[in-house]
Amino acid sequence: MSGYGAFSAFYDALMTDVDYPARAAYLLELFARHGGHPHTILDIACGSGRLCEALEKQGKEVIGVDGSAAMLMQARERLSADVLLLAQDMRELDLYGTVDGAVCTLDSLNHLCRTQDIAQVLRRARLFVEPNGLFIFDVNTVYKHREVLGDHTFVTEQDGIVCVWRNHYLARTNEVDMLLDFFVEQQDGTYERYQETVRERAYSERTLRRLLAETGWETVAVYGDMSTDAPTPDCERMVFVARNTRTVEQAIQGE
């Protein structure tokens, strides 16, 4: 599983294209569209807490979980004391109680490069989302990994930070190895270099539907990103809405 070391310090500065209030509103729209009106929401792989912040402003009680201590430090500085933050690998999710619903956004599950790891996250989430509760998550598509990320190089500059992002595409597994070089401007005008490596894997809709079914989730709907339409062949991100089929009796018995 990929982590965020150097990247955590620059993540927010480079992710300026994400409208977190709009994404929070979209997720809440999907909850409502499928009969969910959660008060308590778990944000799996919450990163620096910007989605947690947007959900809290919508009146939700939020729990954030992330495997990166550096990311959680940023989240703690941003969020109110009412937001509980837990340093946990998403495959080892362990809450003090249950939540009404859960989300996992911005391709976080793509960092898991084995189907058994995806299944493990789904099993753990099933234990802590209320029976009939919804889990909404998104993933990068195979199309994006093959056609958009591919073997391409991207250069971005933002607030004194230059990022050179080089990709290597592994066609057999739909994985992309990413080498990120960050050049950060210092007070004397020179630049200091930081480096991060990340690997992500894209999964087909069919595979994710199968994993959901095998781990006790019903796939309620699959959409294109920020849409309520079905994903198109060239969409770059899919959004899954899954319902926990665990019954109240199973929850009481700890099954």
Protein backbone atom coordinates (compact mmCIF):
# COMPACT_ATOMS: atom_id res chain seq x y z
CA MET A 1 0.00 0.00 0.00
CA SER A 2 1.33 3.42 -0.91
CA GLY A 3 1.81 5.99 1.80
CA TYR A 4 2.37 9.71 1.86
CA GLY A 5 5.65 10.91 3.30
CA ALA A 6 7.07 13.95 1.52
CA PHE A 7 3.81 14.31 -0.43
CA SER A 8 1.85 15.08 2.75
CA ALA A 9 3.57 18.43 3.12
CA PHE A 10 2.55 19.53 -0.38
CA TYR A 11 -0.71 17.67 -0.92
CA ASP A 12 -3.12 20.54 -0.29
CA ALA A 13 -1.07 23.05 -2.25
CA LEU A 14 -1.17 20.80 -5.31
CA MET A 15 -4.79 19.60 -5.02
CA THR A 16 -6.30 22.95 -5.89
CA ASP A 17 -8.65 21.41 -8.47
CA VAL A 18 -10.74 19.62 -5.81
CA ASP A 19 -13.82 21.50 -4.60
CA TYR A 20 -14.33 19.82 -1.24
CA PRO A 21 -17.59 21.59 -0.30
CA ALA A 22 -19.07 20.54 -3.66
CA ARG A 23 -17.82 16.98 -3.19
CA ALA A 24 -19.31 16.81 0.31
CA ALA A 25 -22.64 18.06 -1.04
CA TYR A 26 -22.49 15.47 -3.83
CA LEU A 27 -21.85 12.63 -1.38
CA LEU A 28 -24.73 13.74 0.83
CA GLU A 29 -26.94 13.90 -2.26
CA LEU A 30 -26.03 10.28 -3.04
CA PHE A 31 -26.78 9.21 0.52
CA ALA A 32 -30.21 10.86 0.33
CA ARG A 33 -30.87 9.51 -3.17
CA HIS A 34 -30.53 5.98 -1.82
CA GLY A 35 -32.40 6.43 1.43
CA GLY A 36 -29.46 7.32 3.65
CA HIS A 37 -29.53 10.31 5.99
CA PRO A 38 -26.40 9.76 8.09
CA HIS A 39 -25.64 11.85 11.12
CA THR A 40 -22.29 10.18 11.83
CA ILE A 41 -20.00 9.65 8.82
CA LEU A 42 -16.69 7.81 8.71
CA ASP A 43 -14.14 9.23 6.25
CA ILE A 44 -11.73 6.40 5.40
CA ALA A 45 -8.31 7.66 4.23
CA CYS A 46 -9.26 11.19 5.27
CA GLY A 47 -5.85 12.66 4.46
CA SER A 48 -5.45 16.26 5.53
CA GLY A 49 -9.10 16.47 6.59
CA ARG A 50 -10.54 18.80 3.98
CA LEU A 51 -13.52 16.57 3.23
CA CYS A 52 -14.06 16.01 6.96
CA GLU A 53 -14.14 19.79 7.35
CA ALA A 54 -16.71 20.17 4.56
CA LEU A 55 -18.92 17.41 5.97
CA GLU A 56 -18.77 18.91 9.45
CA LYS A 57 -19.89 22.25 8.03
CA GLN A 58 -22.90 20.37 6.63
CA GLY A 59 -23.83 19.48 10.21
CA LYS A 60 -22.42 15.95 10.25
CA GLU A 61 -20.53 14.25 13.03
CA VAL A 62 -17.33 13.02 11.42
CA ILE A 63 -14.68 10.43 12.20
CA GLY A 64 -11.52 10.51 10.10
CA VAL A 65 -9.15 7.56 9.68
CA ASP A 66 -5.82 7.64 7.86
CA GLY A 67 -2.62 5.62 7.84
CA SER A 68 -0.35 8.66 7.49
CA ALA A 69 0.58 10.40 10.74
CA ALA A 70 1.84 13.39 8.74
CA MET A 71 -1.54 13.79 7.02
CA LEU A 72 -3.40 13.48 10.33
CA MET A 73 -1.24 16.20 11.87
CA GLN A 74 -2.44 18.56 9.16
CA ALA A 75 -6.01 17.42 9.66
CA ARG A 76 -5.80 18.04 13.40
CA GLU A 77 -4.68 21.61 12.82
CA ARG A 78 -7.58 22.20 10.40
CA LEU A 79 -10.46 20.50 12.18
CA SER A 80 -12.44 21.23 15.30
CA ALA A 81 -11.93 19.13 18.42
CA ASP A 82 -15.30 17.51 17.71
CA VAL A 83 -13.83 15.51 14.81
CA LEU A 84 -12.31 12.26 16.02
CA LEU A 85 -9.14 11.33 14.12
CA LEU A 86 -7.65 7.84 14.24
CA ALA A 87 -4.26 6.71 12.92
CA GLN A 88 -5.14 3.38 11.32
CA ASP A 89 -4.42 1.40 8.21
CA MET A 90 -7.80 1.12 6.49
CA ARG A 91 -7.34 -2.66 6.29
CA GLU A 92 -7.25 -2.74 10.10
CA LEU A 93 -10.16 -0.38 10.73
CA ASP A 94 -11.32 -0.56 14.35
CA LEU A 95 -13.83 1.91 15.77
CA TYR A 96 -15.28 2.34 19.25
CA GLY A 97 -18.81 1.99 17.88
CA THR A 98 -20.78 2.13 14.66
CA VAL A 99 -21.42 4.93 12.17
CA ASP A 100 -24.45 5.68 10.00
CA GLY A 101 -22.43 5.76 6.79
CA ALA A 102 -18.90 5.81 5.40
CA VAL A 103 -17.03 7.39 2.50
CA CYS A 104 -13.63 6.86 0.89
CA THR A 105 -12.77 9.37 -1.81
CA LEU A 106 -10.18 10.65 -4.26
CA ASP A 107 -8.99 7.22 -5.36
CA SER A 108 -7.74 6.14 -1.95
CA LEU A 109 -8.66 2.51 -2.58
CA ASN A 110 -6.48 2.51 -5.70
CA HIS A 111 -3.48 2.54 -3.38
CA LEU A 112 -4.34 -1.05 -2.48
CA CYS A 113 -2.76 -3.18 -5.19
CA ARG A 114 -4.20 -6.56 -4.19
CA THR A 115 -7.84 -7.62 -4.39
CA GLN A 116 -7.53 -9.28 -0.99
CA ASP A 117 -6.64 -5.92 0.52
CA ILE A 118 -9.71 -4.28 -1.04
CA ALA A 119 -11.80 -7.14 0.35
CA GLN A 120 -10.28 -6.67 3.79
CA VAL A 121 -11.24 -2.98 3.84
CA LEU A 122 -14.78 -3.88 2.83
CA ARG A 123 -15.01 -6.52 5.58
CA ARG A 124 -13.78 -4.11 8.23
CA ALA A 125 -16.07 -1.31 7.06
CA ARG A 126 -19.02 -3.71 7.16
CA LEU A 127 -18.44 -4.27 10.88
CA PHE A 128 -18.73 -0.59 11.73
CA VAL A 129 -21.35 0.74 9.33
CA GLU A 130 -24.86 0.26 10.69
CA PRO A 131 -27.00 -2.50 9.09
CA ASN A 132 -28.49 -1.13 5.85
CA GLY A 133 -26.05 1.80 6.04
CA LEU A 134 -24.26 3.03 2.93
CA PHE A 135 -20.60 3.07 2.00
CA ILE A 136 -19.79 5.46 -0.86
CA PHE A 137 -16.35 5.28 -2.44
CA ASP A 138 -14.66 6.24 -5.69
CA VAL A 139 -11.84 4.73 -7.71
CA ASN A 140 -9.71 5.64 -10.69
CA THR A 141 -10.78 3.68 -13.75
CA VAL A 142 -8.76 1.36 -15.94
CA TYR A 143 -9.24 3.92 -18.72
CA LYS A 144 -7.58 6.64 -16.64
CA HIS A 145 -4.61 4.49 -15.74
CA ARG A 146 -4.10 3.35 -19.32
CA GLU A 147 -4.91 6.49 -21.30
CA VAL A 148 -4.48 9.47 -18.98
CA LEU A 149 -1.75 8.51 -16.52
CA GLY A 150 -0.03 5.88 -18.65
CA ASP A 151 3.67 6.48 -19.21
CA HIS A 152 3.18 10.23 -19.19
CA THR A 153 4.97 12.99 -17.32
CA PHE A 154 3.20 16.00 -15.78
CA VAL A 155 4.68 19.20 -14.41
CA THR A 156 2.72 21.49 -12.08
CA GLU A 157 3.70 24.64 -10.23
CA GLN A 158 1.84 26.10 -7.27
CA ASP A 159 2.84 28.50 -4.48
CA GLY A 160 6.59 28.08 -4.79
CA ILE A 161 6.38 24.32 -5.36
CA VAL A 162 7.23 22.61 -8.64
CA CYS A 163 6.11 19.00 -8.98
CA VAL A 164 7.45 16.71 -11.70
CA TRP A 165 5.23 13.61 -11.84
CA ARG A 166 6.54 10.71 -13.96
CA ASN A 167 4.47 7.57 -14.54
CA HIS A 168 5.18 4.04 -15.64
CA TYR A 169 2.16 1.96 -16.67
CA LEU A 170 2.05 -1.81 -16.04
CA ALA A 171 -0.52 -3.08 -18.53
CA ARG A 172 -0.88 -6.60 -17.14
CA THR A 173 -2.15 -5.39 -13.75
CA ASN A 174 -3.42 -1.89 -14.65
CA GLU A 175 -0.96 -0.46 -12.14
CA VAL A 176 0.86 2.85 -12.41
CA ASP A 177 4.16 3.53 -10.69
CA MET A 178 4.45 7.23 -9.94
CA LEU A 179 7.69 9.03 -9.18
CA LEU A 180 7.03 12.46 -7.73
CA ASP A 181 9.80 15.04 -7.45
CA PHE A 182 8.99 18.18 -5.47
CA PHE A 183 11.16 21.27 -5.79
CA VAL A 184 10.35 23.68 -2.97
CA GLU A 185 11.52 27.28 -3.09
CA GLN A 186 13.60 28.39 -0.10
CA GLN A 187 13.92 31.89 1.35
CA ASP A 188 17.19 32.47 -0.51
CA GLY A 189 15.58 31.62 -3.85
CA THR A 190 17.12 28.18 -4.19
CA TYR A 191 15.04 25.00 -4.43
CA GLU A 192 15.17 21.95 -2.20
CA ARG A 193 14.21 18.59 -3.70
CA TYR A 194 11.93 15.98 -2.10
CA GLN A 195 10.92 12.69 -3.64
CA GLU A 196 7.97 10.33 -3.24
CA THR A 197 7.07 7.06 -4.96
CA VAL A 198 3.49 5.82 -5.19
CA ARG A 199 1.91 2.79 -6.85
CA GLU A 200 -1.80 2.60 -7.68
CA ARG A 201 -3.90 -0.12 -9.28
CA ALA A 202 -7.14 0.29 -11.20
CA TYR A 203 -9.91 -2.29 -10.90
CA SER A 204 -12.78 -2.98 -13.25
CA GLU A 205 -16.38 -2.35 -12.25
CA ARG A 206 -16.98 -6.08 -12.50
CA THR A 207 -14.17 -6.88 -10.05
CA LEU A 208 -15.35 -4.33 -7.49
CA ARG A 209 -18.95 -5.53 -7.74
CA ARG A 210 -17.71 -9.07 -7.10
CA LEU A 211 -15.65 -8.03 -4.08
CA LEU A 212 -18.58 -6.11 -2.64
CA ALA A 213 -20.88 -9.12 -3.00
CA GLU A 214 -18.31 -11.47 -1.46
CA THR A 215 -17.88 -9.25 1.61
CA GLY A 216 -21.54 -8.65 2.41
CA TRP A 217 -22.31 -5.47 0.51
CA GLU A 218 -25.01 -4.86 -2.08
CA THR A 219 -23.97 -2.66 -4.98
CA VAL A 220 -26.79 -0.13 -5.13
CA ALA A 221 -25.44 2.08 -7.91
CA VAL A 222 -22.31 3.02 -9.85
CA TYR A 223 -21.90 6.53 -11.22
CA GLY A 224 -19.42 8.67 -13.07
CA ASP A 225 -17.55 11.15 -10.91
CA MET A 226 -19.68 14.00 -9.50
CA SER A 227 -22.60 12.62 -11.52
CA THR A 228 -25.77 10.60 -11.13
CA ASP A 229 -25.33 9.05 -14.58
CA ALA A 230 -23.77 5.67 -15.26
CA PRO A 231 -20.02 5.75 -15.94
CA THR A 232 -19.04 6.15 -19.59
CA PRO A 233 -16.25 4.12 -21.25
CA ASP A 234 -13.92 7.11 -21.04
CA CYS A 235 -14.73 8.30 -17.53
CA GLU A 236 -11.74 8.68 -15.25
CA ARG A 237 -13.38 7.90 -11.92
CA MET A 238 -16.27 5.67 -10.83
CA VAL A 239 -18.35 6.21 -7.70
CA PHE A 240 -19.85 3.16 -5.97
CA VAL A 241 -22.80 3.25 -3.59
CA ALA A 242 -22.95 0.04 -1.52
CA ARG A 243 -25.42 -1.03 1.15
CA ASN A 244 -24.42 -3.09 4.19
CA THR A 245 -26.44 -6.31 4.10
CA ARG A 246 -25.47 -7.16 7.67
CA THR A 247 -28.62 -7.64 9.74
CA VAL A 248 -29.26 -6.26 13.20
CA GLU A 249 -29.16 -9.81 14.55
CA GLN A 250 -25.74 -10.42 12.98
CA ALA A 251 -24.48 -7.15 14.43
CA ILE A 252 -25.69 -8.11 17.91
CA GLN A 253 -23.99 -11.50 17.58
CA GLY A 254 -20.79 -9.89 16.31
CA GLU A 255 -20.92 -11.60 12.92
